């Protein structure tokens, strides 16, 4: 069983930056695929970034490409999402997720955090 816990959300003005963290428990963390999703009321959860545990390849959804950076520190069992040039439309609950198998840039993740709120004011 893997547990993931997000932190780092908050309120920021448009154009500002935030860094989300996701700490994961469990063995073989460095081989896990990791992902960040976000969700706003009335909308489906959206995959915005993913990181392959085997190759280190990254995926970014078009609206965040060039503004968000996904990284991991295997020594700390932690992944990060650095977000810059934030926009009001980035306001959402951000979820971290992990899985051991399959394709890293799809939606079928097995382990989920509780979410952290990011609010970007205009």
N, C-alpha and C. Protein backbone atom coordinates (compact mmCIF):
# COMPACT_ATOMS: atom_id res chain seq x y z
N UNK A 1 0.84 -1.18 0.00
CA UNK A 1 0.00 0.00 0.00
C UNK A 1 0.89 1.25 0.00
N UNK A 2 0.52 2.21 -0.82
CA UNK A 2 1.25 3.46 -0.93
C UNK A 2 0.35 4.58 -0.46
N UNK A 3 0.88 5.45 0.34
CA UNK A 3 0.15 6.64 0.75
C UNK A 3 0.85 7.86 0.20
N UNK A 4 0.06 8.81 -0.27
CA UNK A 4 0.61 10.05 -0.79
C UNK A 4 -0.06 11.21 -0.09
N UNK A 5 0.73 12.22 0.25
CA UNK A 5 0.23 13.38 0.98
C UNK A 5 0.76 14.64 0.31
N UNK A 6 -0.19 15.48 -0.15
CA UNK A 6 0.20 16.74 -0.79
C UNK A 6 0.31 17.85 0.24
N UNK A 7 1.09 18.86 -0.12
CA UNK A 7 1.18 20.08 0.68
C UNK A 7 1.65 21.20 -0.24
N UNK A 8 1.49 22.43 0.25
CA UNK A 8 2.03 23.57 -0.47
C UNK A 8 1.01 24.44 -1.18
N UNK A 9 -0.24 24.05 -1.14
CA UNK A 9 -1.25 24.89 -1.78
C UNK A 9 -1.45 26.19 -1.01
N UNK A 10 -2.23 27.08 -1.61
CA UNK A 10 -2.51 28.34 -0.95
C UNK A 10 -3.08 29.35 -1.90
N UNK A 11 -3.09 30.59 -1.46
CA UNK A 11 -3.61 31.71 -2.23
C UNK A 11 -2.45 32.53 -2.77
N UNK A 12 -2.51 32.82 -4.06
CA UNK A 12 -1.45 33.59 -4.70
C UNK A 12 -2.07 34.50 -5.74
N UNK A 13 -1.43 35.61 -6.00
CA UNK A 13 -1.93 36.53 -7.03
C UNK A 13 -1.52 36.03 -8.42
N UNK A 14 -2.28 36.43 -9.39
CA UNK A 14 -1.95 36.09 -10.78
C UNK A 14 -0.53 36.55 -11.09
N UNK A 15 0.18 35.67 -11.78
CA UNK A 15 1.59 35.93 -12.08
C UNK A 15 2.55 35.40 -11.05
N UNK A 16 2.02 34.98 -9.92
CA UNK A 16 2.85 34.47 -8.85
C UNK A 16 3.21 33.01 -9.04
N UNK A 17 3.83 32.44 -8.01
CA UNK A 17 4.29 31.06 -8.10
C UNK A 17 4.01 30.31 -6.81
N UNK A 18 3.93 29.00 -6.93
CA UNK A 18 3.78 28.10 -5.81
C UNK A 18 4.53 26.81 -6.12
N UNK A 19 4.92 26.11 -5.06
CA UNK A 19 5.54 24.81 -5.24
C UNK A 19 4.79 23.80 -4.39
N UNK A 20 4.17 22.84 -5.05
CA UNK A 20 3.47 21.78 -4.36
C UNK A 20 4.43 20.62 -4.11
N UNK A 21 4.23 19.98 -2.98
CA UNK A 21 5.02 18.79 -2.64
C UNK A 21 4.09 17.61 -2.45
N UNK A 22 4.62 16.44 -2.71
CA UNK A 22 3.86 15.20 -2.52
C UNK A 22 4.81 14.16 -1.95
N UNK A 23 4.57 13.81 -0.71
CA UNK A 23 5.39 12.80 -0.05
C UNK A 23 4.70 11.45 -0.15
N UNK A 24 5.45 10.45 -0.54
CA UNK A 24 4.89 9.12 -0.73
C UNK A 24 5.58 8.10 0.16
N UNK A 25 4.80 7.21 0.70
CA UNK A 25 5.36 6.11 1.48
C UNK A 25 5.44 4.88 0.60
N UNK A 26 6.07 3.85 1.08
CA UNK A 26 6.11 2.61 0.33
C UNK A 26 7.47 2.32 -0.26
N UNK A 27 7.67 1.07 -0.54
CA UNK A 27 8.94 0.64 -1.09
C UNK A 27 8.98 0.89 -2.59
N UNK A 28 10.17 0.94 -3.11
CA UNK A 28 10.38 1.10 -4.56
C UNK A 28 9.76 2.38 -5.09
N UNK A 29 9.73 3.42 -4.29
CA UNK A 29 9.14 4.69 -4.73
C UNK A 29 9.77 5.17 -6.03
N UNK A 30 11.08 4.95 -6.18
CA UNK A 30 11.76 5.50 -7.35
C UNK A 30 11.29 4.87 -8.65
N UNK A 31 10.60 3.76 -8.59
CA UNK A 31 10.10 3.12 -9.81
C UNK A 31 8.64 3.48 -10.09
N UNK A 32 7.99 4.17 -9.18
CA UNK A 32 6.59 4.50 -9.36
C UNK A 32 6.41 5.65 -10.35
N UNK A 33 5.38 5.50 -11.16
CA UNK A 33 4.93 6.65 -11.94
C UNK A 33 4.20 7.58 -10.98
N UNK A 34 4.39 8.89 -11.19
CA UNK A 34 3.73 9.89 -10.36
C UNK A 34 3.02 10.89 -11.25
N UNK A 35 1.95 11.47 -10.73
CA UNK A 35 1.19 12.41 -11.53
C UNK A 35 0.53 13.46 -10.65
N UNK A 36 0.24 14.58 -11.27
CA UNK A 36 -0.56 15.64 -10.67
C UNK A 36 -1.82 15.82 -11.50
N UNK A 37 -2.94 15.84 -10.81
CA UNK A 37 -4.23 16.12 -11.41
C UNK A 37 -4.79 17.37 -10.73
N UNK A 38 -5.78 17.96 -11.37
CA UNK A 38 -6.50 19.05 -10.72
C UNK A 38 -7.97 18.97 -11.08
N UNK A 39 -8.77 19.54 -10.20
CA UNK A 39 -10.22 19.49 -10.39
C UNK A 39 -10.86 20.74 -9.87
N UNK A 40 -11.80 21.27 -10.65
CA UNK A 40 -12.62 22.39 -10.23
C UNK A 40 -14.07 21.93 -10.14
N UNK A 41 -14.90 22.63 -9.36
CA UNK A 41 -16.29 22.21 -9.18
C UNK A 41 -17.01 22.06 -10.51
N UNK A 42 -17.69 20.96 -10.67
CA UNK A 42 -18.48 20.72 -11.87
C UNK A 42 -17.70 20.18 -13.04
N UNK A 43 -16.41 20.01 -12.86
CA UNK A 43 -15.58 19.50 -13.95
C UNK A 43 -14.91 18.19 -13.55
N UNK A 44 -14.54 17.43 -14.55
CA UNK A 44 -13.84 16.18 -14.28
C UNK A 44 -12.39 16.46 -13.89
N UNK A 45 -11.83 15.50 -13.15
CA UNK A 45 -10.44 15.62 -12.78
C UNK A 45 -9.57 15.58 -14.03
N UNK A 46 -8.58 16.45 -14.08
CA UNK A 46 -7.75 16.64 -15.27
C UNK A 46 -6.29 16.28 -14.96
N UNK A 47 -5.71 15.47 -15.81
CA UNK A 47 -4.29 15.15 -15.69
C UNK A 47 -3.49 16.32 -16.24
N UNK A 48 -2.62 16.91 -15.42
CA UNK A 48 -1.86 18.06 -15.90
C UNK A 48 -0.37 17.78 -16.02
N UNK A 49 0.13 16.81 -15.29
CA UNK A 49 1.56 16.50 -15.37
C UNK A 49 1.79 15.08 -14.88
N UNK A 50 2.73 14.40 -15.51
CA UNK A 50 3.06 13.04 -15.11
C UNK A 50 4.55 12.81 -15.28
N UNK A 51 5.06 11.90 -14.47
CA UNK A 51 6.49 11.62 -14.48
C UNK A 51 6.69 10.11 -14.44
N UNK A 52 7.36 9.58 -15.43
CA UNK A 52 7.60 8.15 -15.49
C UNK A 52 8.63 7.74 -14.46
N UNK A 53 8.30 6.68 -13.72
CA UNK A 53 9.23 6.19 -12.71
C UNK A 53 10.42 5.47 -13.30
N UNK A 54 10.28 4.99 -14.52
CA UNK A 54 11.36 4.19 -15.10
C UNK A 54 12.28 5.00 -15.99
N UNK A 55 11.70 5.89 -16.74
CA UNK A 55 12.48 6.62 -17.74
C UNK A 55 12.75 8.07 -17.36
N UNK A 56 11.96 8.59 -16.44
CA UNK A 56 12.08 10.00 -16.10
C UNK A 56 11.40 10.92 -17.08
N UNK A 57 10.72 10.35 -18.07
CA UNK A 57 10.01 11.18 -19.03
C UNK A 57 8.88 11.93 -18.34
N UNK A 58 8.58 13.11 -18.84
CA UNK A 58 7.51 13.91 -18.29
C UNK A 58 6.46 14.21 -19.35
N UNK A 59 5.26 14.38 -18.85
CA UNK A 59 4.14 14.80 -19.69
C UNK A 59 3.54 16.06 -19.05
N UNK A 60 3.17 17.03 -19.87
CA UNK A 60 2.47 18.22 -19.39
C UNK A 60 1.29 18.49 -20.29
N UNK A 61 0.18 18.80 -19.67
CA UNK A 61 -1.00 19.23 -20.42
C UNK A 61 -0.69 20.59 -21.04
N UNK A 62 -1.26 20.85 -22.18
CA UNK A 62 -0.88 22.04 -22.95
C UNK A 62 -0.99 23.34 -22.16
N UNK A 63 -2.01 23.48 -21.34
CA UNK A 63 -2.23 24.77 -20.67
C UNK A 63 -1.18 25.06 -19.60
N UNK A 64 -0.44 24.04 -19.16
CA UNK A 64 0.56 24.27 -18.13
C UNK A 64 1.99 24.14 -18.66
N UNK A 65 2.10 23.71 -19.89
CA UNK A 65 3.42 23.49 -20.48
C UNK A 65 4.20 24.80 -20.49
N UNK A 66 5.45 24.74 -20.03
CA UNK A 66 6.28 25.94 -19.97
C UNK A 66 6.12 26.73 -18.69
N UNK A 67 5.08 26.43 -17.91
CA UNK A 67 4.86 27.15 -16.64
C UNK A 67 5.02 26.24 -15.43
N UNK A 68 4.72 24.96 -15.59
CA UNK A 68 4.80 24.00 -14.49
C UNK A 68 5.97 23.06 -14.74
N UNK A 69 6.65 22.70 -13.65
CA UNK A 69 7.77 21.76 -13.74
C UNK A 69 7.61 20.67 -12.69
N UNK A 70 7.67 19.44 -13.15
CA UNK A 70 7.51 18.26 -12.30
C UNK A 70 8.90 17.69 -12.02
N UNK A 71 9.19 17.46 -10.75
CA UNK A 71 10.49 16.89 -10.40
C UNK A 71 10.32 15.91 -9.25
N UNK A 72 11.34 15.10 -9.02
CA UNK A 72 11.26 14.16 -7.91
C UNK A 72 12.60 14.07 -7.20
N UNK A 73 12.51 13.77 -5.91
CA UNK A 73 13.69 13.55 -5.09
C UNK A 73 13.51 12.16 -4.46
N UNK A 74 14.14 11.17 -5.05
CA UNK A 74 13.92 9.80 -4.58
C UNK A 74 14.46 9.58 -3.17
N UNK A 75 15.48 10.33 -2.80
CA UNK A 75 16.03 10.19 -1.45
C UNK A 75 15.01 10.60 -0.39
N UNK A 76 14.11 11.50 -0.77
CA UNK A 76 13.09 11.99 0.16
C UNK A 76 11.72 11.39 -0.13
N UNK A 77 11.64 10.50 -1.11
CA UNK A 77 10.33 9.94 -1.50
C UNK A 77 9.31 11.05 -1.75
N UNK A 78 9.75 12.06 -2.44
CA UNK A 78 8.91 13.23 -2.65
C UNK A 78 8.98 13.70 -4.09
N UNK A 79 7.84 14.13 -4.60
CA UNK A 79 7.80 14.79 -5.89
C UNK A 79 7.30 16.21 -5.69
N UNK A 80 7.60 17.04 -6.67
CA UNK A 80 7.27 18.46 -6.56
C UNK A 80 6.64 18.93 -7.87
N UNK A 81 5.78 19.92 -7.74
CA UNK A 81 5.24 20.61 -8.90
C UNK A 81 5.49 22.09 -8.69
N UNK A 82 6.44 22.60 -9.45
CA UNK A 82 6.75 24.02 -9.38
C UNK A 82 5.87 24.74 -10.39
N UNK A 83 5.10 25.71 -9.93
CA UNK A 83 4.14 26.42 -10.78
C UNK A 83 4.50 27.89 -10.78
N UNK A 84 4.72 28.44 -11.96
CA UNK A 84 5.02 29.86 -12.11
C UNK A 84 4.03 30.48 -13.07
N UNK A 85 4.03 31.81 -13.12
CA UNK A 85 3.12 32.54 -14.00
C UNK A 85 1.68 32.04 -13.83
N UNK A 86 1.27 31.91 -12.59
CA UNK A 86 -0.05 31.35 -12.33
C UNK A 86 -1.16 32.27 -12.82
N UNK A 87 -2.24 31.64 -13.25
CA UNK A 87 -3.40 32.35 -13.80
C UNK A 87 -4.63 32.01 -12.97
N UNK A 88 -5.62 32.86 -12.97
CA UNK A 88 -6.86 32.54 -12.24
C UNK A 88 -7.44 31.19 -12.64
N UNK A 89 -7.31 30.83 -13.90
CA UNK A 89 -7.86 29.55 -14.36
C UNK A 89 -7.09 28.34 -13.84
N UNK A 90 -5.97 28.57 -13.15
CA UNK A 90 -5.25 27.47 -12.50
C UNK A 90 -5.86 27.13 -11.14
N UNK A 91 -6.81 27.94 -10.70
CA UNK A 91 -7.47 27.69 -9.42
C UNK A 91 -8.17 26.33 -9.46
N UNK A 92 -7.85 25.48 -8.49
CA UNK A 92 -8.39 24.12 -8.46
C UNK A 92 -7.87 23.41 -7.21
N UNK A 93 -8.42 22.24 -6.96
CA UNK A 93 -7.82 21.33 -5.99
C UNK A 93 -6.82 20.47 -6.77
N UNK A 94 -5.62 20.41 -6.28
CA UNK A 94 -4.56 19.65 -6.94
C UNK A 94 -4.32 18.35 -6.18
N UNK A 95 -4.31 17.26 -6.93
CA UNK A 95 -4.13 15.93 -6.37
C UNK A 95 -2.85 15.29 -6.89
N UNK A 96 -2.15 14.65 -6.00
CA UNK A 96 -1.00 13.84 -6.36
C UNK A 96 -1.44 12.37 -6.42
N UNK A 97 -0.85 11.63 -7.36
CA UNK A 97 -1.23 10.23 -7.50
C UNK A 97 0.00 9.39 -7.86
N UNK A 98 -0.08 8.10 -7.54
CA UNK A 98 1.03 7.18 -7.80
C UNK A 98 0.50 5.86 -8.31
N UNK A 99 1.33 5.20 -9.12
CA UNK A 99 1.02 3.84 -9.52
C UNK A 99 2.31 3.14 -9.90
N UNK A 100 2.26 1.81 -9.86
CA UNK A 100 3.48 1.04 -10.09
C UNK A 100 3.63 0.56 -11.52
N UNK A 101 2.52 0.42 -12.22
CA UNK A 101 2.58 -0.18 -13.55
C UNK A 101 1.76 0.65 -14.53
N UNK A 102 1.88 0.25 -15.81
CA UNK A 102 1.10 0.89 -16.85
C UNK A 102 1.80 2.10 -17.45
N UNK A 103 1.05 2.82 -18.26
CA UNK A 103 1.57 4.01 -18.92
C UNK A 103 1.45 5.20 -17.98
N UNK A 104 2.51 5.98 -17.89
CA UNK A 104 2.54 7.03 -16.88
C UNK A 104 1.60 8.19 -17.17
N UNK A 105 1.31 8.44 -18.43
CA UNK A 105 0.53 9.63 -18.78
C UNK A 105 -0.92 9.30 -19.11
N UNK A 106 -1.52 8.46 -18.29
CA UNK A 106 -2.95 8.27 -18.45
C UNK A 106 -3.62 8.39 -17.08
N UNK A 107 -4.90 8.07 -17.04
CA UNK A 107 -5.70 8.43 -15.87
C UNK A 107 -5.83 7.34 -14.82
N UNK A 108 -5.41 6.14 -15.10
CA UNK A 108 -5.71 5.04 -14.18
C UNK A 108 -4.67 4.89 -13.08
N UNK A 109 -4.59 5.91 -12.23
CA UNK A 109 -3.69 5.87 -11.10
C UNK A 109 -4.37 5.18 -9.91
N UNK A 110 -3.53 4.53 -9.10
CA UNK A 110 -4.06 3.69 -8.03
C UNK A 110 -4.11 4.36 -6.66
N UNK A 111 -3.16 5.21 -6.38
CA UNK A 111 -3.04 5.79 -5.05
C UNK A 111 -3.14 7.31 -5.16
N UNK A 112 -3.98 7.86 -4.30
CA UNK A 112 -4.32 9.28 -4.39
C UNK A 112 -4.14 9.97 -3.05
N UNK A 113 -3.70 11.24 -3.12
CA UNK A 113 -3.69 12.06 -1.93
C UNK A 113 -5.04 12.71 -1.71
N UNK A 114 -5.11 13.49 -0.66
CA UNK A 114 -6.39 14.12 -0.29
C UNK A 114 -6.64 15.43 -1.03
N UNK A 115 -5.62 15.94 -1.68
CA UNK A 115 -5.76 17.17 -2.43
C UNK A 115 -5.32 18.39 -1.65
N UNK A 116 -4.88 19.40 -2.39
CA UNK A 116 -4.50 20.67 -1.78
C UNK A 116 -5.05 21.79 -2.65
N UNK A 117 -5.65 22.79 -2.03
CA UNK A 117 -6.30 23.87 -2.76
C UNK A 117 -5.29 24.90 -3.23
N UNK A 118 -5.39 25.25 -4.49
CA UNK A 118 -4.62 26.36 -5.05
C UNK A 118 -5.62 27.39 -5.56
N UNK A 119 -5.49 28.61 -5.09
CA UNK A 119 -6.36 29.69 -5.50
C UNK A 119 -5.51 30.83 -6.04
N UNK A 120 -5.81 31.23 -7.28
CA UNK A 120 -5.07 32.31 -7.92
C UNK A 120 -6.02 33.48 -8.11
N UNK A 121 -5.74 34.58 -7.48
CA UNK A 121 -6.60 35.75 -7.56
C UNK A 121 -6.15 36.66 -8.70
N UNK A 122 -7.14 37.32 -9.30
CA UNK A 122 -6.83 38.21 -10.43
C UNK A 122 -6.51 39.61 -9.96
